[in-house]
Amino acid sequence: MQPVQPVQPAPPRALPTAAYPGWEAIYADNVERIYRLMYAKVGNRHDAEDLTSQVFLTAFGPLRATASVGEVRAYLLTTARTVLATHWRSTLGHQVTVIDVDEAGLEDFSGPGEDERAGRTAERIGVILSGLPERHRAILTLRFLRGYSIKAAAAELGVTVANAKVLQHRALRRAAGLDKEGEAS
């Protein structure tokens, strides 16, 4: 019997960077991913479709078709963030953020030591929330003042995640309208 010789692995070699064959392939490979991201952020099909279209229209100008798959995906994700931020800014007049109630001191609107601007912001939030129906006020409080995820807020309210997304979307639209009324007076 002859001794078994160990197999020598081939030396490592540089692999060519994978690239898409053309614009159609870029779109086909990434449209579902971008759409799912947008739908998760805005909660309704129509806005998600519009925002997905905007991402591709915005990206296809400066994007090189010869870029690697990873570069294309990273660029599309960055473009999606920008498009989404623009959407929220135009819809609400400002970006949507999560507010930590304890850190911002929003539980007690008349707390000592608050400067005038922070007091006005807290008062404005209170006025906007008080002008909303109970379910709208509840979803916004859970999501943006208490930092609940959409799933946790849905469970707390006893509704489906899809229902919570629609409820949040409607509440944000109504709150934006109340905020603009408050600025006008």
N, C-alpha and C. Protein backbone atom coordinates (compact mmCIF):
# COMPACT_ATOMS: atom_id res chain seq x y z
N MET A 1 0.82 -1.18 0.00
CA MET A 1 0.00 0.00 0.00
C MET A 1 0.86 1.24 0.00
N GLN A 2 0.50 2.14 -0.82
CA GLN A 2 1.26 3.37 -0.90
C GLN A 2 0.68 4.39 0.07
N PRO A 3 1.56 5.15 0.68
CA PRO A 3 1.05 6.18 1.61
C PRO A 3 0.27 7.24 0.82
N VAL A 4 -0.78 7.77 1.46
CA VAL A 4 -1.62 8.81 0.84
C VAL A 4 -0.91 10.15 0.98
N GLN A 5 -0.72 10.74 -0.15
CA GLN A 5 -0.09 12.06 -0.17
C GLN A 5 -1.15 13.13 0.13
N PRO A 6 -0.85 14.06 1.01
CA PRO A 6 -1.83 15.13 1.28
C PRO A 6 -2.02 16.00 0.03
N VAL A 7 -3.25 16.39 -0.18
CA VAL A 7 -3.58 17.24 -1.34
C VAL A 7 -3.21 18.67 -0.99
N GLN A 8 -2.42 19.25 -1.86
CA GLN A 8 -2.03 20.64 -1.67
C GLN A 8 -3.12 21.54 -2.23
N PRO A 9 -3.63 22.47 -1.42
CA PRO A 9 -4.65 23.38 -1.93
C PRO A 9 -4.03 24.33 -2.96
N ALA A 10 -4.85 24.73 -3.88
CA ALA A 10 -4.38 25.67 -4.91
C ALA A 10 -4.10 27.01 -4.23
N PRO A 11 -3.09 27.69 -4.71
CA PRO A 11 -2.78 29.00 -4.11
C PRO A 11 -3.95 29.96 -4.34
N PRO A 12 -4.18 30.84 -3.40
CA PRO A 12 -5.29 31.77 -3.57
C PRO A 12 -5.06 32.66 -4.79
N ARG A 13 -6.16 32.99 -5.44
CA ARG A 13 -6.06 33.88 -6.59
C ARG A 13 -7.14 34.93 -6.47
N ALA A 14 -6.91 36.05 -7.04
CA ALA A 14 -7.88 37.14 -6.99
C ALA A 14 -9.04 36.80 -7.93
N LEU A 15 -10.23 36.88 -7.38
CA LEU A 15 -11.40 36.65 -8.21
C LEU A 15 -11.83 37.95 -8.88
N PRO A 16 -12.35 37.86 -10.08
CA PRO A 16 -12.81 39.10 -10.70
C PRO A 16 -14.00 39.65 -9.92
N THR A 17 -14.08 40.95 -9.84
CA THR A 17 -15.18 41.58 -9.15
C THR A 17 -16.44 41.40 -9.97
N ALA A 18 -17.46 40.83 -9.35
CA ALA A 18 -18.73 40.60 -10.05
C ALA A 18 -19.41 41.92 -10.32
N ALA A 19 -19.92 42.05 -11.52
CA ALA A 19 -20.64 43.26 -11.91
C ALA A 19 -21.90 42.85 -12.65
N TYR A 20 -22.86 43.73 -12.65
CA TYR A 20 -24.11 43.47 -13.38
C TYR A 20 -23.87 43.63 -14.88
N PRO A 21 -24.57 42.86 -15.70
CA PRO A 21 -24.40 42.99 -17.15
C PRO A 21 -25.01 44.28 -17.72
N GLY A 22 -25.95 44.88 -17.01
CA GLY A 22 -26.56 46.11 -17.52
C GLY A 22 -27.56 46.68 -16.54
N TRP A 23 -28.20 47.77 -16.93
CA TRP A 23 -29.15 48.47 -16.07
C TRP A 23 -30.36 47.60 -15.72
N GLU A 24 -30.83 46.81 -16.67
CA GLU A 24 -31.99 45.96 -16.41
C GLU A 24 -31.68 44.96 -15.29
N ALA A 25 -30.49 44.42 -15.30
CA ALA A 25 -30.09 43.46 -14.27
C ALA A 25 -29.97 44.14 -12.91
N ILE A 26 -29.47 45.37 -12.90
CA ILE A 26 -29.38 46.12 -11.64
C ILE A 26 -30.78 46.32 -11.07
N TYR A 27 -31.69 46.74 -11.92
CA TYR A 27 -33.07 46.98 -11.47
C TYR A 27 -33.73 45.68 -11.00
N ALA A 28 -33.64 44.64 -11.80
CA ALA A 28 -34.29 43.37 -11.48
C ALA A 28 -33.77 42.77 -10.17
N ASP A 29 -32.48 42.90 -9.91
CA ASP A 29 -31.89 42.31 -8.72
C ASP A 29 -32.19 43.12 -7.46
N ASN A 30 -32.46 44.42 -7.58
CA ASN A 30 -32.56 45.27 -6.41
C ASN A 30 -33.94 45.87 -6.14
N VAL A 31 -34.85 45.81 -7.09
CA VAL A 31 -36.13 46.49 -6.92
C VAL A 31 -36.92 45.93 -5.75
N GLU A 32 -36.96 44.63 -5.58
CA GLU A 32 -37.73 44.05 -4.48
C GLU A 32 -37.13 44.43 -3.13
N ARG A 33 -35.83 44.42 -3.03
CA ARG A 33 -35.14 44.78 -1.78
C ARG A 33 -35.46 46.22 -1.39
N ILE A 34 -35.37 47.14 -2.34
CA ILE A 34 -35.63 48.55 -2.06
C ILE A 34 -37.11 48.76 -1.73
N TYR A 35 -37.99 48.08 -2.46
CA TYR A 35 -39.43 48.21 -2.19
C TYR A 35 -39.76 47.73 -0.78
N ARG A 36 -39.21 46.59 -0.37
CA ARG A 36 -39.47 46.08 0.98
C ARG A 36 -38.99 47.07 2.04
N LEU A 37 -37.84 47.67 1.81
CA LEU A 37 -37.31 48.66 2.74
C LEU A 37 -38.26 49.86 2.85
N MET A 38 -38.69 50.36 1.71
CA MET A 38 -39.58 51.53 1.70
C MET A 38 -40.93 51.20 2.34
N TYR A 39 -41.45 50.02 2.03
CA TYR A 39 -42.74 49.63 2.60
C TYR A 39 -42.64 49.52 4.12
N ALA A 40 -41.54 48.99 4.60
CA ALA A 40 -41.34 48.87 6.05
C ALA A 40 -41.26 50.24 6.72
N LYS A 41 -40.77 51.23 6.01
CA LYS A 41 -40.60 52.56 6.58
C LYS A 41 -41.85 53.42 6.49
N VAL A 42 -42.62 53.31 5.40
CA VAL A 42 -43.78 54.19 5.24
C VAL A 42 -45.10 53.50 5.52
N GLY A 43 -45.15 52.19 5.42
CA GLY A 43 -46.33 51.46 5.82
C GLY A 43 -47.48 51.40 4.84
N ASN A 44 -47.31 51.93 3.63
CA ASN A 44 -48.38 51.76 2.65
C ASN A 44 -47.78 51.55 1.27
N ARG A 45 -48.53 50.82 0.47
CA ARG A 45 -48.05 50.35 -0.82
C ARG A 45 -47.79 51.49 -1.81
N HIS A 46 -48.70 52.45 -1.87
CA HIS A 46 -48.57 53.51 -2.87
C HIS A 46 -47.31 54.37 -2.64
N ASP A 47 -47.11 54.80 -1.40
CA ASP A 47 -45.92 55.59 -1.11
C ASP A 47 -44.65 54.77 -1.32
N ALA A 48 -44.69 53.49 -0.94
CA ALA A 48 -43.51 52.62 -1.12
C ALA A 48 -43.16 52.49 -2.60
N GLU A 49 -44.18 52.33 -3.46
CA GLU A 49 -43.91 52.23 -4.90
C GLU A 49 -43.33 53.53 -5.44
N ASP A 50 -43.91 54.66 -5.03
CA ASP A 50 -43.40 55.96 -5.48
C ASP A 50 -41.95 56.18 -5.03
N LEU A 51 -41.68 55.87 -3.77
CA LEU A 51 -40.34 56.08 -3.25
C LEU A 51 -39.32 55.14 -3.90
N THR A 52 -39.74 53.91 -4.18
CA THR A 52 -38.84 52.97 -4.87
C THR A 52 -38.49 53.51 -6.25
N SER A 53 -39.48 54.03 -6.95
CA SER A 53 -39.22 54.62 -8.27
C SER A 53 -38.25 55.79 -8.16
N GLN A 54 -38.46 56.63 -7.14
CA GLN A 54 -37.57 57.77 -6.95
C GLN A 54 -36.14 57.34 -6.68
N VAL A 55 -35.98 56.27 -5.92
CA VAL A 55 -34.62 55.77 -5.63
C VAL A 55 -33.91 55.43 -6.93
N PHE A 56 -34.57 54.65 -7.80
CA PHE A 56 -33.92 54.24 -9.03
C PHE A 56 -33.72 55.41 -9.99
N LEU A 57 -34.68 56.31 -10.06
CA LEU A 57 -34.51 57.48 -10.94
C LEU A 57 -33.35 58.35 -10.47
N THR A 58 -33.23 58.50 -9.16
CA THR A 58 -32.15 59.31 -8.60
C THR A 58 -30.80 58.62 -8.79
N ALA A 59 -30.76 57.32 -8.58
CA ALA A 59 -29.49 56.58 -8.61
C ALA A 59 -28.97 56.35 -10.02
N PHE A 60 -29.83 56.16 -10.99
CA PHE A 60 -29.35 55.78 -12.32
C PHE A 60 -28.55 56.86 -13.02
N GLY A 61 -28.71 58.10 -12.64
CA GLY A 61 -27.90 59.16 -13.25
C GLY A 61 -26.42 59.00 -12.93
N PRO A 62 -26.06 59.09 -11.65
CA PRO A 62 -24.64 59.01 -11.28
C PRO A 62 -24.08 57.60 -11.15
N LEU A 63 -24.93 56.59 -11.07
CA LEU A 63 -24.46 55.23 -10.86
C LEU A 63 -23.81 54.67 -12.12
N ARG A 64 -22.66 54.02 -11.95
CA ARG A 64 -21.97 53.39 -13.08
C ARG A 64 -22.48 51.97 -13.25
N ALA A 65 -22.83 51.60 -14.45
CA ALA A 65 -23.30 50.24 -14.72
C ALA A 65 -22.17 49.23 -14.53
N THR A 66 -20.93 49.68 -14.55
CA THR A 66 -19.79 48.77 -14.40
C THR A 66 -19.39 48.57 -12.94
N ALA A 67 -20.08 49.20 -12.02
CA ALA A 67 -19.75 49.06 -10.60
C ALA A 67 -20.04 47.64 -10.15
N SER A 68 -19.35 47.21 -9.11
CA SER A 68 -19.56 45.85 -8.60
C SER A 68 -20.94 45.75 -7.93
N VAL A 69 -21.38 44.54 -7.72
CA VAL A 69 -22.68 44.29 -7.11
C VAL A 69 -22.76 44.97 -5.73
N GLY A 70 -21.73 44.81 -4.94
CA GLY A 70 -21.69 45.41 -3.61
C GLY A 70 -21.76 46.93 -3.66
N GLU A 71 -21.02 47.52 -4.58
CA GLU A 71 -21.04 48.97 -4.72
C GLU A 71 -22.43 49.46 -5.13
N VAL A 72 -23.06 48.75 -6.05
CA VAL A 72 -24.40 49.14 -6.51
C VAL A 72 -25.38 49.07 -5.35
N ARG A 73 -25.35 47.97 -4.60
CA ARG A 73 -26.28 47.82 -3.48
C ARG A 73 -26.05 48.89 -2.41
N ALA A 74 -24.81 49.18 -2.12
CA ALA A 74 -24.50 50.21 -1.13
C ALA A 74 -24.99 51.58 -1.61
N TYR A 75 -24.78 51.87 -2.88
CA TYR A 75 -25.21 53.16 -3.43
C TYR A 75 -26.73 53.28 -3.42
N LEU A 76 -27.42 52.20 -3.78
CA LEU A 76 -28.89 52.22 -3.78
C LEU A 76 -29.43 52.40 -2.35
N LEU A 77 -28.79 51.77 -1.38
CA LEU A 77 -29.22 51.92 0.01
C LEU A 77 -29.03 53.36 0.49
N THR A 78 -27.90 53.95 0.15
CA THR A 78 -27.65 55.34 0.53
C THR A 78 -28.66 56.26 -0.15
N THR A 79 -28.93 56.01 -1.41
CA THR A 79 -29.92 56.80 -2.13
C THR A 79 -31.31 56.62 -1.51
N ALA A 80 -31.64 55.41 -1.11
CA ALA A 80 -32.93 55.14 -0.47
C ALA A 80 -33.07 55.93 0.83
N ARG A 81 -32.01 56.01 1.61
CA ARG A 81 -32.05 56.80 2.85
C ARG A 81 -32.33 58.26 2.55
N THR A 82 -31.66 58.79 1.54
CA THR A 82 -31.84 60.19 1.18
C THR A 82 -33.26 60.44 0.69
N VAL A 83 -33.77 59.57 -0.16
CA VAL A 83 -35.13 59.71 -0.69
C VAL A 83 -36.14 59.63 0.44
N LEU A 84 -35.94 58.72 1.37
CA LEU A 84 -36.85 58.57 2.50
C LEU A 84 -36.81 59.79 3.41
N ALA A 85 -35.64 60.31 3.67
CA ALA A 85 -35.53 61.51 4.50
C ALA A 85 -36.24 62.69 3.84
N THR A 86 -36.09 62.82 2.53
CA THR A 86 -36.77 63.88 1.80
C THR A 86 -38.28 63.70 1.87
N HIS A 87 -38.74 62.46 1.76
CA HIS A 87 -40.18 62.16 1.86
C HIS A 87 -40.72 62.60 3.22
N TRP A 88 -40.06 62.21 4.30
CA TRP A 88 -40.55 62.57 5.63
C TRP A 88 -40.47 64.07 5.86
N ARG A 89 -39.42 64.69 5.36
CA ARG A 89 -39.28 66.14 5.53
C ARG A 89 -40.42 66.87 4.82
N SER A 90 -40.76 66.42 3.60
CA SER A 90 -41.83 67.09 2.86
C SER A 90 -43.21 66.72 3.41
N THR A 91 -43.37 65.52 3.95
CA THR A 91 -44.66 65.10 4.49
C THR A 91 -44.94 65.78 5.83
N LEU A 92 -43.97 65.79 6.71
CA LEU A 92 -44.19 66.29 8.06
C LEU A 92 -43.54 67.65 8.33
N GLY A 93 -42.71 68.10 7.44
CA GLY A 93 -42.00 69.34 7.67
C GLY A 93 -40.72 69.15 8.46
N HIS A 94 -40.46 67.92 8.91
CA HIS A 94 -39.22 67.60 9.62
C HIS A 94 -39.03 66.10 9.57
N GLN A 95 -37.81 65.64 9.91
CA GLN A 95 -37.54 64.21 9.89
C GLN A 95 -38.19 63.54 11.09
N VAL A 96 -38.58 62.29 10.91
CA VAL A 96 -39.15 61.51 12.00
C VAL A 96 -38.00 60.93 12.81
N THR A 97 -38.07 61.11 14.12
CA THR A 97 -37.03 60.55 14.99
C THR A 97 -37.70 59.88 16.17
N VAL A 98 -36.96 59.04 16.84
CA VAL A 98 -37.44 58.42 18.06
C VAL A 98 -37.00 59.30 19.21
N ILE A 99 -37.93 59.61 20.10
CA ILE A 99 -37.63 60.48 21.23
C ILE A 99 -37.67 59.65 22.50
N ASP A 100 -36.61 59.72 23.28
CA ASP A 100 -36.56 59.03 24.56
C ASP A 100 -37.23 59.93 25.59
N VAL A 101 -38.36 59.48 26.14
CA VAL A 101 -39.15 60.29 27.06
C VAL A 101 -38.32 60.70 28.28
N ASP A 102 -37.57 59.76 28.86
CA ASP A 102 -36.79 60.07 30.05
C ASP A 102 -35.71 61.10 29.77
N GLU A 103 -35.06 60.95 28.63
CA GLU A 103 -33.97 61.84 28.28
C GLU A 103 -34.46 63.23 27.93
N ALA A 104 -35.59 63.33 27.23
CA ALA A 104 -36.09 64.61 26.78
C ALA A 104 -36.93 65.31 27.85
N GLY A 105 -37.32 64.61 28.90
CA GLY A 105 -38.11 65.22 29.96
C GLY A 105 -39.51 65.59 29.51
N LEU A 106 -40.15 64.74 28.73
CA LEU A 106 -41.46 65.08 28.19
C LEU A 106 -42.61 64.63 29.09
N GLU A 107 -42.35 63.86 30.12
CA GLU A 107 -43.42 63.43 31.01
C GLU A 107 -43.98 64.61 31.78
N ASP A 108 -43.12 65.50 32.25
CA ASP A 108 -43.54 66.68 32.99
C ASP A 108 -43.27 67.90 32.13
N PHE A 109 -44.31 68.44 31.52
CA PHE A 109 -44.12 69.55 30.59
C PHE A 109 -43.66 70.82 31.27
N SER A 110 -43.88 70.95 32.57
CA SER A 110 -43.51 72.19 33.26
C SER A 110 -42.33 71.98 34.19
N GLY A 111 -41.47 71.04 33.85
CA GLY A 111 -40.32 70.73 34.70
C GLY A 111 -39.39 71.90 34.88
N PRO A 112 -38.80 72.05 36.07
CA PRO A 112 -37.88 73.17 36.31
C PRO A 112 -36.60 73.01 35.51
N GLY A 113 -35.99 74.13 35.18
CA GLY A 113 -34.71 74.11 34.50
C GLY A 113 -34.77 73.97 32.99
N GLU A 114 -35.96 73.86 32.42
CA GLU A 114 -36.05 73.76 30.96
C GLU A 114 -35.88 75.16 30.38
N ASP A 115 -35.14 75.26 29.30
CA ASP A 115 -35.04 76.56 28.65
C ASP A 115 -36.34 76.83 27.89
N GLU A 116 -36.50 78.04 27.43
CA GLU A 116 -37.75 78.44 26.78
C GLU A 116 -38.07 77.60 25.56
N ARG A 117 -37.07 77.30 24.73
CA ARG A 117 -37.32 76.53 23.51
C ARG A 117 -37.77 75.10 23.82
N ALA A 118 -37.11 74.44 24.75
CA ALA A 118 -37.50 73.08 25.12
C ALA A 118 -38.91 73.08 25.69
N GLY A 119 -39.25 74.09 26.48
CA GLY A 119 -40.60 74.21 27.03
C GLY A 119 -41.63 74.39 25.93
N ARG A 120 -41.28 75.20 24.93
CA ARG A 120 -42.21 75.42 23.82
C ARG A 120 -42.39 74.15 23.01
N THR A 121 -41.31 73.40 22.80
CA THR A 121 -41.40 72.15 22.04
C THR A 121 -42.27 71.15 22.77
N ALA A 122 -42.06 70.99 24.07
CA ALA A 122 -42.85 70.06 24.85
C ALA A 122 -44.32 70.48 24.85
N GLU A 123 -44.56 71.77 24.98
CA GLU A 123 -45.94 72.28 24.96
C GLU A 123 -46.57 72.01 23.59
N ARG A 124 -45.82 72.23 22.55
CA ARG A 124 -46.32 72.01 21.19
C ARG A 124 -46.66 70.53 20.97
N ILE A 125 -45.81 69.63 21.45
CA ILE A 125 -46.08 68.20 21.34
C ILE A 125 -47.36 67.86 22.09
N GLY A 126 -47.51 68.40 23.28
CA GLY A 126 -48.71 68.16 24.07
C GLY A 126 -49.97 68.65 23.37
N VAL A 127 -49.90 69.82 22.76
CA VAL A 127 -51.05 70.38 22.04
C VAL A 127 -51.40 69.51 20.84
N ILE A 128 -50.39 69.11 20.08
CA ILE A 128 -50.63 68.27 18.90
C ILE A 128 -51.24 66.94 19.31
N LEU A 129 -50.66 66.29 20.32
CA LEU A 129 -51.18 64.99 20.76
C LEU A 129 -52.60 65.11 21.31
N SER A 130 -52.89 66.19 22.02
CA SER A 130 -54.24 66.34 22.58
C SER A 130 -55.28 66.59 21.50
N GLY A 131 -54.85 67.07 20.34
CA GLY A 131 -55.77 67.31 19.23
C GLY A 131 -56.05 66.08 18.39
N LEU A 132 -55.41 64.96 18.71
CA LEU A 132 -55.59 63.73 17.94
C LEU A 132 -56.60 62.80 18.59
N PRO A 133 -57.26 61.95 17.79
CA PRO A 133 -58.11 60.91 18.38
C PRO A 133 -57.26 59.96 19.23
N GLU A 134 -57.90 59.27 20.15
CA GLU A 134 -57.21 58.42 21.12
C GLU A 134 -56.27 57.40 20.46
N ARG A 135 -56.72 56.70 19.42
CA ARG A 135 -55.88 55.66 18.80
C ARG A 135 -54.66 56.29 18.10
N HIS A 136 -54.85 57.44 17.48
CA HIS A 136 -53.72 58.12 16.84
C HIS A 136 -52.72 58.58 17.90
N ARG A 137 -53.24 59.16 18.99
CA ARG A 137 -52.36 59.61 20.07
C ARG A 137 -51.59 58.42 20.65
N ALA A 138 -52.27 57.28 20.81
CA ALA A 138 -51.63 56.10 21.40
C ALA A 138 -50.50 55.58 20.52
N ILE A 139 -50.74 55.45 19.21
CA ILE A 139 -49.69 54.91 18.33
C ILE A 139 -48.48 55.84 18.28
N LEU A 140 -48.71 57.15 18.21
CA LEU A 140 -47.58 58.08 18.15
C LEU A 140 -46.82 58.11 19.47
N THR A 141 -47.52 58.04 20.57
CA THR A 141 -46.85 58.02 21.87
C THR A 141 -45.99 56.77 22.01
N LEU A 142 -46.55 55.62 21.64
CA LEU A 142 -45.79 54.38 21.74
C LEU A 142 -44.58 54.38 20.82
N ARG A 143 -44.78 54.80 19.58
CA ARG A 143 -43.70 54.71 18.59
C ARG A 143 -42.62 55.77 18.79
N PHE A 144 -43.00 57.01 19.02
CA PHE A 144 -42.01 58.08 18.95
C PHE A 144 -41.64 58.68 20.30
N LEU A 145 -42.50 58.54 21.29
CA LEU A 145 -42.13 59.05 22.61
C LEU A 145 -41.59 57.95 23.50
N ARG A 146 -42.08 56.74 23.30
CA ARG A 146 -41.60 55.63 24.13
C ARG A 146 -40.64 54.71 23.38
N GLY A 147 -40.49 54.90 22.07
CA GLY A 147 -39.51 54.15 21.29
C GLY A 147 -39.88 52.71 21.00
N TYR A 148 -41.17 52.36 21.03
CA TYR A 148 -41.59 51.00 20.72
C TYR A 148 -41.35 50.70 19.24
N SER A 149 -41.05 49.45 18.92
CA SER A 149 -41.00 49.03 17.53
C SER A 149 -42.44 48.95 17.03
N ILE A 150 -42.62 48.86 15.72
CA ILE A 150 -43.97 48.78 15.18
C ILE A 150 -44.66 47.50 15.66
N LYS A 151 -43.91 46.40 15.79
CA LYS A 151 -44.49 45.15 16.29
C LYS A 151 -44.93 45.28 17.74
N ALA A 152 -44.09 45.90 18.57
CA ALA A 152 -44.43 46.06 19.99
C ALA A 152 -45.63 46.99 20.15
N ALA A 153 -45.68 48.06 19.36
CA ALA A 153 -46.81 48.99 19.44
C ALA A 153 -48.09 48.30 19.00
N ALA A 154 -48.02 47.48 17.95
CA ALA A 154 -49.20 46.74 17.48
C ALA A 154 -49.69 45.79 18.58
N ALA A 155 -48.78 45.09 19.23
CA ALA A 155 -49.17 44.17 20.30
C ALA A 155 -49.80 44.93 21.45
N GLU A 156 -49.24 46.06 21.82
CA GLU A 156 -49.78 46.89 22.90
C GLU A 156 -51.19 47.39 22.59
N LEU A 157 -51.43 47.74 21.33
CA LEU A 157 -52.74 48.24 20.93
C LEU A 157 -53.72 47.12 20.57
N GLY A 158 -53.22 45.90 20.43
CA GLY A 158 -54.07 44.76 20.10
C GLY A 158 -54.52 44.76 18.65
N VAL A 159 -53.63 45.23 17.75
CA VAL A 159 -53.94 45.24 16.32
C VAL A 159 -52.83 44.52 15.57
N THR A 160 -53.06 44.26 14.28
CA THR A 160 -52.02 43.64 13.47
C THR A 160 -50.93 44.66 13.16
N VAL A 161 -49.78 44.17 12.74
CA VAL A 161 -48.67 45.06 12.38
C VAL A 161 -49.08 45.94 11.20
N ALA A 162 -49.76 45.36 10.21
CA ALA A 162 -50.20 46.14 9.06
C ALA A 162 -51.16 47.24 9.49
N ASN A 163 -52.07 46.92 10.39
CA ASN A 163 -53.01 47.92 10.89
C ASN A 163 -52.26 49.01 11.64
N ALA A 164 -51.28 48.64 12.44
CA ALA A 164 -50.50 49.63 13.18
C ALA A 164 -49.75 50.57 12.24
N LYS A 165 -49.23 50.03 11.12
CA LYS A 165 -48.53 50.87 10.14
C LYS A 165 -49.47 51.88 9.52
N VAL A 166 -50.67 51.43 9.16
CA VAL A 166 -51.66 52.34 8.58
C VAL A 166 -52.08 53.38 9.61
N LEU A 167 -52.31 52.94 10.83
CA LEU A 167 -52.70 53.84 11.90
C LEU A 167 -51.62 54.89 12.14
N GLN A 168 -50.37 54.46 12.15
CA GLN A 168 -49.26 55.39 12.35
C GLN A 168 -49.19 56.39 11.20
N HIS A 169 -49.33 55.91 9.99
CA HIS A 169 -49.27 56.79 8.83
C HIS A 169 -50.36 57.86 8.90
N ARG A 170 -51.57 57.45 9.20
CA ARG A 170 -52.69 58.40 9.30
C ARG A 170 -52.48 59.38 10.46
N ALA A 171 -51.98 58.87 11.57
CA ALA A 171 -51.74 59.73 12.73
C ALA A 171 -50.67 60.77 12.43
N LEU A 172 -49.62 60.37 11.73
CA LEU A 172 -48.56 61.32 11.38
C LEU A 172 -49.08 62.40 10.43
N ARG A 173 -49.89 62.00 9.48
CA ARG A 173 -50.48 62.98 8.55
C ARG A 173 -51.36 63.97 9.30
N ARG A 174 -52.20 63.45 10.19
CA ARG A 174 -53.10 64.32 10.95
C ARG A 174 -52.28 65.23 11.88
N ALA A 175 -51.27 64.68 12.53
CA ALA A 175 -50.42 65.47 13.43
C ALA A 175 -49.69 66.57 12.66
N ALA A 176 -49.25 66.27 11.46
CA ALA A 176 -48.59 67.28 10.63
C ALA A 176 -49.55 68.42 10.31
N GLY A 177 -50.80 68.08 10.04
CA GLY A 177 -51.80 69.12 9.78
C GLY A 177 -52.04 69.98 11.01
N LEU A 178 -52.11 69.36 12.18
CA LEU A 178 -52.28 70.12 13.43
C LEU A 178 -51.08 71.00 13.71
N ASP A 179 -49.88 70.48 13.41
CA ASP A 179 -48.66 71.25 13.64
C ASP A 179 -48.63 72.49 12.75
N LYS A 180 -49.03 72.34 11.50
CA LYS A 180 -49.03 73.49 10.59
C LYS A 180 -50.08 74.53 11.02
N GLU A 181 -51.23 74.07 11.56
CA GLU A 181 -52.23 75.00 12.07
C GLU A 181 -51.65 75.79 13.23
N GLY A 182 -50.89 75.10 14.10
CA GLY A 182 -50.28 75.76 15.26
C GLY A 182 -49.24 76.79 14.87
N GLU A 183 -48.51 76.53 13.78
CA GLU A 183 -47.50 77.49 13.32
C GLU A 183 -48.15 78.72 12.72
N ALA A 184 -49.32 78.55 12.12
CA ALA A 184 -49.98 79.66 11.46
C ALA A 184 -50.55 80.63 12.47
N SER A 185 -50.92 80.16 13.68
CA SER A 185 -51.53 81.07 14.66
C SER A 185 -50.52 81.85 15.44
